[in-house]
Amino acid sequence: MTTYLVTRHSGALDWLRAQGFTDVVPVPHLDPAQVTAGDSVVGTLPVHLAAEICARGGRYYHLSLDLPPQARGRELSAADLDRYAARVEQYRVHAAAGTAVPEALL
């Protein structure tokens, strides 16, 4: 079983390791096809990718932050992640049945 951290940011990796995730494989991009049952994925992924990870038997952990607008779009350090209440939260995501767009949304 592998734990992947999907990020291009060294601060996220530093923060995660400081939280005790010492055996993590950092990847800048993740192909959900490489996830096998029992694997864990940590990151801030689009919902359709998180759903595919869950469908493959993996676990998805979202790296959540309370990020103010002025901090968006810049590199964050591990200390910044602490400041913005970083946390790892598990989500179980699946696509809803009948995924056609309802007329009300068109």
Protein backbone atom coordinates (compact mmCIF):
# COMPACT_ATOMS: atom_id res chain seq x y z
CA MET A 1 0.00 0.00 0.00
CA THR A 2 1.29 3.39 -1.03
CA THR A 3 0.49 6.87 0.23
CA TYR A 4 0.77 9.50 -2.51
CA LEU A 5 0.94 13.25 -1.95
CA VAL A 6 -0.20 15.06 -5.07
CA THR A 7 1.51 18.44 -5.01
CA ARG A 8 4.08 20.59 -6.75
CA HIS A 9 4.72 22.53 -3.53
CA SER A 10 7.58 21.69 -1.19
CA GLY A 11 5.81 23.42 1.71
CA ALA A 12 2.96 20.92 1.52
CA LEU A 13 5.40 18.01 1.61
CA ASP A 14 7.30 19.55 4.54
CA TRP A 15 4.04 20.15 6.42
CA LEU A 16 2.74 16.64 5.81
CA ARG A 17 5.99 15.06 6.98
CA ALA A 18 5.88 17.22 10.14
CA GLN A 19 2.43 15.72 10.80
CA GLY A 20 3.94 12.22 10.84
CA PHE A 21 3.44 11.18 7.21
CA THR A 22 7.03 10.04 6.78
CA ASP A 23 6.45 7.29 4.22
CA VAL A 24 4.76 9.34 1.51
CA VAL A 25 5.46 9.39 -2.23
CA PRO A 26 5.26 12.96 -3.58
CA VAL A 27 4.01 13.26 -7.18
CA PRO A 28 3.24 16.44 -9.13
CA HIS A 29 0.39 14.71 -11.00
CA LEU A 30 -1.42 11.45 -10.35
CA ASP A 31 -2.93 9.11 -12.90
CA PRO A 32 -5.76 7.44 -10.94
CA ALA A 33 -5.01 4.22 -12.86
CA GLN A 34 -1.86 3.81 -10.75
CA VAL A 35 -3.91 3.66 -7.54
CA THR A 36 -4.67 0.18 -6.24
CA ALA A 37 -6.97 -0.97 -3.46
CA GLY A 38 -5.61 0.11 -0.10
CA ASP A 39 -3.56 3.03 -1.44
CA SER A 40 -4.05 6.50 0.04
CA VAL A 41 -3.94 9.77 -1.87
CA VAL A 42 -3.47 13.13 -0.16
CA GLY A 43 -3.96 16.35 -2.10
CA THR A 44 -6.43 18.89 -3.40
CA LEU A 45 -7.79 16.99 -6.37
CA PRO A 46 -10.76 17.69 -8.63
CA VAL A 47 -13.82 15.78 -7.49
CA HIS A 48 -13.92 13.46 -10.53
CA LEU A 49 -10.37 12.28 -9.81
CA ALA A 50 -11.13 11.78 -6.12
CA ALA A 51 -14.17 9.70 -7.16
CA GLU A 52 -12.03 7.55 -9.44
CA ILE A 53 -9.52 6.95 -6.63
CA CYS A 54 -12.33 5.84 -4.33
CA ALA A 55 -13.86 3.63 -7.05
CA ARG A 56 -10.50 1.86 -7.40
CA GLY A 57 -10.48 1.02 -3.67
CA GLY A 58 -8.16 3.83 -2.65
CA ARG A 59 -8.71 6.37 0.10
CA TYR A 60 -8.79 10.10 -0.64
CA TYR A 61 -7.58 12.60 1.94
CA HIS A 62 -8.09 16.26 1.10
CA LEU A 63 -5.46 18.76 2.18
CA SER A 64 -7.78 21.51 3.40
CA LEU A 65 -6.77 25.08 4.19
CA ASP A 66 -8.58 28.19 5.36
CA LEU A 67 -6.76 30.32 2.82
CA PRO A 68 -7.50 34.05 2.67
CA PRO A 69 -7.69 35.66 -0.80
CA GLN A 70 -4.39 37.51 -0.36
CA ALA A 71 -2.51 34.22 0.17
CA ARG A 72 -3.82 32.53 -2.99
CA GLY A 73 -1.54 31.98 -5.95
CA ARG A 74 1.73 32.06 -4.04
CA GLU A 75 4.08 29.44 -2.69
CA LEU A 76 3.26 28.48 0.91
CA SER A 77 5.72 27.17 3.50
CA ALA A 78 4.94 24.57 6.14
CA ALA A 79 4.58 27.46 8.63
CA ASP A 80 2.07 29.12 6.29
CA LEU A 81 0.05 25.90 6.18
CA ASP A 82 -0.03 25.87 9.99
CA ARG A 83 -1.12 29.53 9.99
CA TYR A 84 -3.98 28.71 7.59
CA ALA A 85 -5.22 25.75 9.66
CA ALA A 86 -4.08 23.02 7.29
CA ARG A 87 -5.61 19.64 7.95
CA VAL A 88 -6.01 16.29 6.26
CA GLU A 89 -9.64 15.20 5.94
CA GLN A 90 -10.82 11.90 4.48
CA TYR A 91 -13.57 12.03 1.85
CA ARG A 92 -15.46 9.20 0.21
CA VAL A 93 -16.48 10.43 -3.23
CA HIS A 94 -18.60 8.72 -5.85
CA ALA A 95 -20.40 9.85 -8.97
CA ALA A 96 -24.17 10.13 -8.59
CA ALA A 97 -26.35 7.86 -10.70
CA GLY A 98 -27.80 9.47 -13.80
CA THR A 99 -25.01 11.97 -14.35
CA ALA A 100 -26.74 13.81 -17.22
CA VAL A 101 -27.06 17.56 -16.65
CA PRO A 102 -30.58 18.40 -15.41
CA GLU A 103 -32.55 20.83 -17.59
CA ALA A 104 -32.84 23.20 -14.62
CA LEU A 105 -29.10 23.88 -14.89
CA LEU A 106 -29.13 24.57 -18.62
